[in-house]
Amino acid sequence: MESDDLRRRTDRAAPGRPPAGPPRLGRGGAGAAARTASHRRDRRPGRGRRAVPGPRHRGSRRRARRRGLRAGSGARRGAPRALSLVVAENGRVDEPLLAQSVGDLLDAFAEPTPAPAGGSAAALAVSMGAALLSMAARISIDHWAEAGSVAAQAEALRLRTAPLAQADAEAYAEVLRLRRERAGDAELGRAFDHAAEVPLRIAEAGADVAELAAYAAPRVKPSVEGDTAAAAVLAHAGAVIAAQLVAINLATSEGDERIRRAEELAAAAADAAGRAVA
């Protein structure tokens, strides 16, 4: 597939040019995430680790970002209450997010507890976008020869991303648990490192879903064009949120390539969403 075929609709309509196949997305493909995957991580001991804030730290979101924590952390949000979600002492989210009803899940997000929060919302936004795209492609099966392939890729992206909502909640809960226990810098550093990896994977999926939606937008049935555009916008939103969280969790890791990569993924998702709604 030529890159111009995805990036300019006028090229797709050029007479005499054979139709290109849908972008092959994901970690092994040539989609948006793969195109930004040239980053290298500094894993040397003592590098890329964050300073550990004091257990009573309360401050603005701006100061929290510099320290690699969401503002106020567990202190400002208060102790978890046993409604829709419980963050256990071992850092795990006891009730799986994907097992909850929509109403209970929204209640869980509204609770003054550390998790679920922005990262989980980002994962759900991307997975909802993938689900919408899968639906739009399936409806277009008799209208578009590549619809089956696009639907399969969208479904794979949905299944890959949805569990990251739970993973992000547990990663952040683990950070808070270690802070409460005043764990050492090395252990906290590993927890923060993992807390950055999860949203990076969400950003990768968001860029891929948005790119696939941009490819599908001018090809699906007219009745689902709006749903395809919605898929791209949801994926873009999730990628932007996730990139922000990567930057927050690596705020004190100077030169960490994952911050740049997350920004590139968010930019790729923005570009794709713009093409999908044009």
Protein backbone atom coordinates (compact mmCIF):
# COMPACT_ATOMS: atom_id res chain seq x y z
CA MET A 1 0.00 0.00 0.00
CA GLU A 2 1.38 3.38 -0.96
CA SER A 3 1.35 5.90 1.85
CA ASP A 4 -0.20 8.51 -0.43
CA ASP A 5 -3.20 6.23 -0.90
CA LEU A 6 -4.05 6.70 2.77
CA ARG A 7 -3.07 10.31 3.04
CA ARG A 8 -4.81 11.87 0.02
CA ARG A 9 -8.26 10.88 -1.09
CA THR A 10 -7.63 12.37 -4.49
CA ASP A 11 -4.96 9.75 -5.07
CA ARG A 12 -7.37 6.99 -4.13
CA ALA A 13 -9.74 8.18 -6.83
CA ALA A 14 -7.09 8.46 -9.55
CA PRO A 15 -8.21 6.64 -12.71
CA GLY A 16 -6.32 3.54 -13.71
CA ARG A 17 -4.80 2.94 -10.26
CA PRO A 18 -5.72 -0.42 -8.70
CA PRO A 19 -7.39 -0.19 -5.30
CA ALA A 20 -4.99 -0.53 -2.39
CA GLY A 21 -5.62 -2.90 0.47
CA PRO A 22 -6.37 -1.72 3.97
CA PRO A 23 -3.41 -0.79 6.16
CA ARG A 24 -1.90 -3.74 8.03
CA LEU A 25 -1.97 -2.45 11.57
CA GLY A 26 -0.62 -3.53 14.92
CA ARG A 27 2.84 -4.34 16.23
CA GLY A 28 3.78 -6.42 13.20
CA GLY A 29 2.08 -4.28 10.59
CA ALA A 30 2.72 -1.08 8.71
CA GLY A 31 0.10 1.08 10.37
CA ALA A 32 0.41 4.27 12.37
CA ALA A 33 1.90 2.62 15.45
CA ALA A 34 4.47 0.68 13.43
CA ARG A 35 5.59 3.81 11.60
CA THR A 36 6.48 5.50 14.90
CA ALA A 37 8.10 2.45 16.48
CA SER A 38 11.73 3.39 15.96
CA HIS A 39 12.17 4.56 19.55
CA ARG A 40 14.85 3.16 21.84
CA ARG A 41 14.56 2.92 25.61
CA ASP A 42 17.30 3.62 28.08
CA ARG A 43 17.19 0.66 30.46
CA ARG A 44 20.51 1.26 32.18
CA PRO A 45 20.29 1.05 35.97
CA GLY A 46 19.48 4.38 37.53
CA ARG A 47 18.39 6.00 34.26
CA GLY A 48 14.84 6.95 33.47
CA ARG A 49 13.72 6.54 37.07
CA ARG A 50 11.69 9.18 38.83
CA ALA A 51 12.27 10.93 42.10
CA VAL A 52 9.86 9.64 44.73
CA PRO A 53 7.55 12.32 46.16
CA GLY A 54 6.77 12.29 49.84
CA PRO A 55 3.74 10.31 50.93
CA ARG A 56 1.87 13.46 51.98
CA HIS A 57 2.44 15.34 48.74
CA ARG A 58 -0.59 17.34 47.67
CA GLY A 59 -0.32 19.91 44.96
CA SER A 60 -1.51 21.24 41.66
CA ARG A 61 -1.74 19.14 38.52
CA ARG A 62 1.22 21.07 37.11
CA ARG A 63 3.43 20.22 40.09
CA ALA A 64 2.17 16.66 40.06
CA ARG A 65 3.22 16.28 36.44
CA ARG A 66 6.75 17.35 37.28
CA ARG A 67 6.83 14.65 39.95
CA GLY A 68 5.32 12.00 37.69
CA LEU A 69 2.04 11.73 39.64
CA ARG A 70 -1.54 12.69 38.97
CA ALA A 71 -2.44 15.70 41.07
CA GLY A 72 -3.39 14.94 44.63
CA SER A 73 -2.98 11.17 44.12
CA GLY A 74 -4.66 9.05 46.75
CA ALA A 75 -4.66 11.75 49.42
CA ARG A 76 -6.90 14.19 47.53
CA ARG A 77 -9.23 11.53 46.14
CA GLY A 78 -9.70 9.90 49.51
CA ALA A 79 -9.90 6.26 50.55
CA PRO A 80 -11.59 3.88 48.10
CA ARG A 81 -15.25 3.20 48.81
CA ALA A 82 -16.86 -0.15 48.08
CA LEU A 83 -19.39 0.73 45.40
CA SER A 84 -18.70 -0.32 41.83
CA LEU A 85 -14.94 -0.72 42.15
CA VAL A 86 -12.53 -1.61 44.91
CA VAL A 87 -8.78 -1.01 44.71
CA ALA A 88 -7.40 -3.71 46.96
CA GLU A 89 -4.39 -3.41 49.24
CA ASN A 90 -2.35 -5.50 46.81
CA GLY A 91 -2.90 -2.89 44.10
CA ARG A 92 -5.34 -4.97 42.07
CA VAL A 93 -8.76 -3.79 40.96
CA ASP A 94 -11.02 -6.39 42.53
CA GLU A 95 -14.01 -6.08 40.20
CA PRO A 96 -13.06 -6.30 36.51
CA LEU A 97 -14.05 -3.13 34.70
CA LEU A 98 -15.26 -4.96 31.61
CA ALA A 99 -17.59 -7.11 33.72
CA GLN A 100 -19.54 -4.09 34.96
CA SER A 101 -22.65 -2.59 33.45
CA VAL A 102 -22.29 0.77 31.73
CA GLY A 103 -24.04 2.46 34.62
CA ASP A 104 -21.80 0.85 37.24
CA LEU A 105 -18.72 1.67 35.19
CA LEU A 106 -19.68 5.34 35.00
CA ASP A 107 -20.30 5.30 38.75
CA ALA A 108 -16.81 3.85 39.21
CA PHE A 109 -15.26 6.66 37.18
CA ALA A 110 -17.16 9.23 39.24
CA GLU A 111 -16.01 7.83 42.58
CA PRO A 112 -13.35 9.80 44.53
CA THR A 113 -10.94 6.86 44.29
CA PRO A 114 -7.56 6.57 42.56
CA ALA A 115 -8.80 4.22 39.85
CA PRO A 116 -10.27 3.87 37.31
CA ALA A 117 -9.17 7.20 35.90
CA GLY A 118 -7.94 8.76 32.67
CA GLY A 119 -5.94 5.81 31.38
CA SER A 120 -8.84 3.42 31.73
CA ALA A 121 -11.11 5.94 30.02
CA ALA A 122 -8.59 6.24 27.18
CA ALA A 123 -8.51 2.47 26.68
CA LEU A 124 -12.29 2.29 26.62
CA ALA A 125 -12.51 5.18 24.14
CA VAL A 126 -10.12 3.45 21.75
CA SER A 127 -11.85 0.09 22.11
CA MET A 128 -15.26 1.69 21.54
CA GLY A 129 -13.89 3.32 18.42
CA ALA A 130 -12.64 -0.05 17.22
CA ALA A 131 -16.03 -1.61 17.94
CA LEU A 132 -17.83 1.10 15.95
CA LEU A 133 -15.43 0.62 13.07
CA SER A 134 -15.97 -3.14 13.12
CA MET A 135 -19.72 -2.59 12.98
CA ALA A 136 -19.47 -0.11 10.11
CA ALA A 137 -17.24 -2.44 8.10
CA ARG A 138 -19.51 -5.44 8.67
CA ILE A 139 -22.54 -3.48 7.52
CA SER A 140 -20.57 -2.57 4.39
CA ILE A 141 -19.67 -6.17 3.45
CA ASP A 142 -21.90 -6.19 0.36
CA HIS A 143 -20.79 -2.68 -0.58
CA TRP A 144 -17.00 -2.86 -0.22
CA ALA A 145 -14.73 -5.78 -1.03
CA GLU A 146 -12.21 -5.02 1.74
CA ALA A 147 -14.83 -4.60 4.45
CA GLY A 148 -14.26 -8.06 5.90
CA SER A 149 -10.53 -7.47 6.32
CA VAL A 150 -11.11 -4.08 7.94
CA ALA A 151 -13.72 -5.56 10.29
CA ALA A 152 -11.30 -8.30 11.35
CA GLN A 153 -8.52 -5.80 12.05
CA ALA A 154 -10.87 -3.53 13.98
CA GLU A 155 -12.06 -6.46 16.07
CA ALA A 156 -8.48 -7.49 16.83
CA LEU A 157 -7.70 -3.93 17.93
CA ARG A 158 -10.77 -3.89 20.16
CA LEU A 159 -9.81 -7.13 21.85
CA ARG A 160 -6.24 -5.89 22.29
CA THR A 161 -7.20 -2.56 23.80
CA ALA A 162 -10.20 -3.20 26.04
CA PRO A 163 -8.21 -5.14 28.69
CA LEU A 164 -5.83 -2.19 29.00
CA ALA A 165 -8.56 -0.34 30.92
CA GLN A 166 -8.10 -2.84 33.74
CA ALA A 167 -4.32 -2.88 33.31
CA ASP A 168 -4.05 0.88 33.67
CA ALA A 169 -6.20 0.96 36.80
CA GLU A 170 -4.08 -1.75 38.40
CA ALA A 171 -0.79 -0.16 37.37
CA TYR A 172 -1.72 3.15 38.98
CA ALA A 173 -3.14 1.44 42.07
CA GLU A 174 0.16 -0.39 42.47
CA VAL A 175 2.07 2.90 42.38
CA LEU A 176 -0.14 4.29 45.12
CA ARG A 177 0.26 1.14 47.22
CA LEU A 178 4.04 1.35 47.04
CA ARG A 179 3.97 5.01 47.98
CA ARG A 180 1.82 4.26 51.00
CA GLU A 181 4.30 1.59 52.05
CA ARG A 182 7.24 3.94 51.42
CA ALA A 183 8.88 1.48 49.05
CA GLY A 184 12.40 2.07 47.82
CA ASP A 185 13.25 4.07 44.73
CA ALA A 186 14.06 1.00 42.65
CA GLU A 187 10.71 -0.67 43.31
CA LEU A 188 8.81 2.55 42.77
CA GLY A 189 10.77 3.19 39.60
CA ARG A 190 9.69 -0.15 38.18
CA ALA A 191 6.07 0.59 39.07
CA PHE A 192 6.18 3.99 37.38
CA ASP A 193 7.85 2.41 34.37
CA HIS A 194 4.97 -0.04 34.03
CA ALA A 195 2.46 2.76 34.61
CA ALA A 196 3.93 4.48 31.53
CA GLU A 197 4.01 1.34 29.39
CA VAL A 198 0.26 0.73 29.63
CA PRO A 199 -0.85 4.13 28.26
CA LEU A 200 1.83 3.86 25.57
CA ARG A 201 0.15 0.68 24.36
CA ILE A 202 -3.19 2.50 24.44
CA ALA A 203 -1.73 5.30 22.32
CA GLU A 204 -0.41 2.74 19.82
CA ALA A 205 -3.84 1.18 19.48
CA GLY A 206 -5.49 4.59 19.23
CA ALA A 207 -3.28 5.59 16.32
CA ASP A 208 -3.98 2.28 14.59
CA VAL A 209 -7.76 2.51 15.01
CA ALA A 210 -7.81 6.10 13.78
CA GLU A 211 -5.71 5.20 10.74
CA LEU A 212 -7.93 2.25 9.88
CA ALA A 213 -11.04 4.42 10.28
CA ALA A 214 -9.55 7.06 7.99
CA TYR A 215 -9.01 4.40 5.35
CA ALA A 216 -12.54 3.07 5.77
CA ALA A 217 -14.35 6.42 5.92
CA PRO A 218 -14.71 7.06 2.15
CA ARG A 219 -15.44 3.40 1.42
CA VAL A 220 -18.13 2.29 3.87
CA LYS A 221 -21.83 2.54 3.17
CA PRO A 222 -23.16 6.10 3.44
CA SER A 223 -25.42 5.01 6.30
CA VAL A 224 -22.40 4.31 8.53
CA GLU A 225 -20.08 7.14 7.49
CA GLY A 226 -20.90 8.98 10.70
CA ASP A 227 -20.11 5.91 12.79
CA THR A 228 -16.76 5.54 11.04
CA ALA A 229 -15.93 9.18 11.75
CA ALA A 230 -16.95 8.67 15.37
CA ALA A 231 -14.60 5.69 15.56
CA ALA A 232 -11.68 7.83 14.42
CA VAL A 233 -12.49 10.66 16.83
CA LEU A 234 -12.82 8.30 19.79
CA ALA A 235 -9.51 6.66 18.92
CA HIS A 236 -7.85 10.06 18.59
CA ALA A 237 -9.18 11.15 21.99
CA GLY A 238 -7.88 7.98 23.61
CA ALA A 239 -4.46 8.40 22.03
CA VAL A 240 -4.18 12.01 23.23
CA ILE A 241 -5.17 11.08 26.79
CA ALA A 242 -2.74 8.17 26.81
CA ALA A 243 0.13 10.28 25.48
CA GLN A 244 -0.48 12.80 28.24
CA LEU A 245 -0.29 10.05 30.86
CA VAL A 246 2.95 8.71 29.40
CA ALA A 247 4.45 12.18 29.77
CA ILE A 248 3.15 12.48 33.34
CA ASN A 249 4.49 9.11 34.43
CA LEU A 250 7.89 9.80 32.86
CA ALA A 251 8.06 13.47 33.84
CA THR A 252 11.41 13.15 35.59
CA SER A 253 12.93 10.75 33.05
CA GLU A 254 14.93 13.12 30.90
CA GLY A 255 15.20 12.08 27.28
CA ASP A 256 12.99 9.00 27.56
CA GLU A 257 12.07 8.14 23.99
CA ARG A 258 8.66 6.86 25.02
CA ILE A 259 7.48 10.42 25.61
CA ARG A 260 8.38 11.40 22.06
CA ARG A 261 6.86 8.22 20.69
CA ALA A 262 3.58 8.82 22.52
CA GLU A 263 3.45 12.36 21.16
CA GLU A 264 4.02 11.06 17.64
CA LEU A 265 1.26 8.50 18.06
CA ALA A 266 -1.17 11.17 19.24
CA ALA A 267 -0.22 13.36 16.27
CA ALA A 268 -0.73 10.44 13.87
CA ALA A 269 -4.15 9.79 15.39
CA ALA A 270 -5.06 13.46 15.01
CA ASP A 271 -4.06 13.42 11.36
CA ALA A 272 -6.07 10.26 10.71
CA ALA A 273 -9.14 11.56 12.54
CA GLY A 274 -8.99 14.74 10.49
CA ARG A 275 -9.04 12.71 7.29
CA ALA A 276 -11.86 10.52 8.55
CA VAL A 277 -14.19 13.44 9.22
CA ALA A 278 -13.23 15.52 6.17
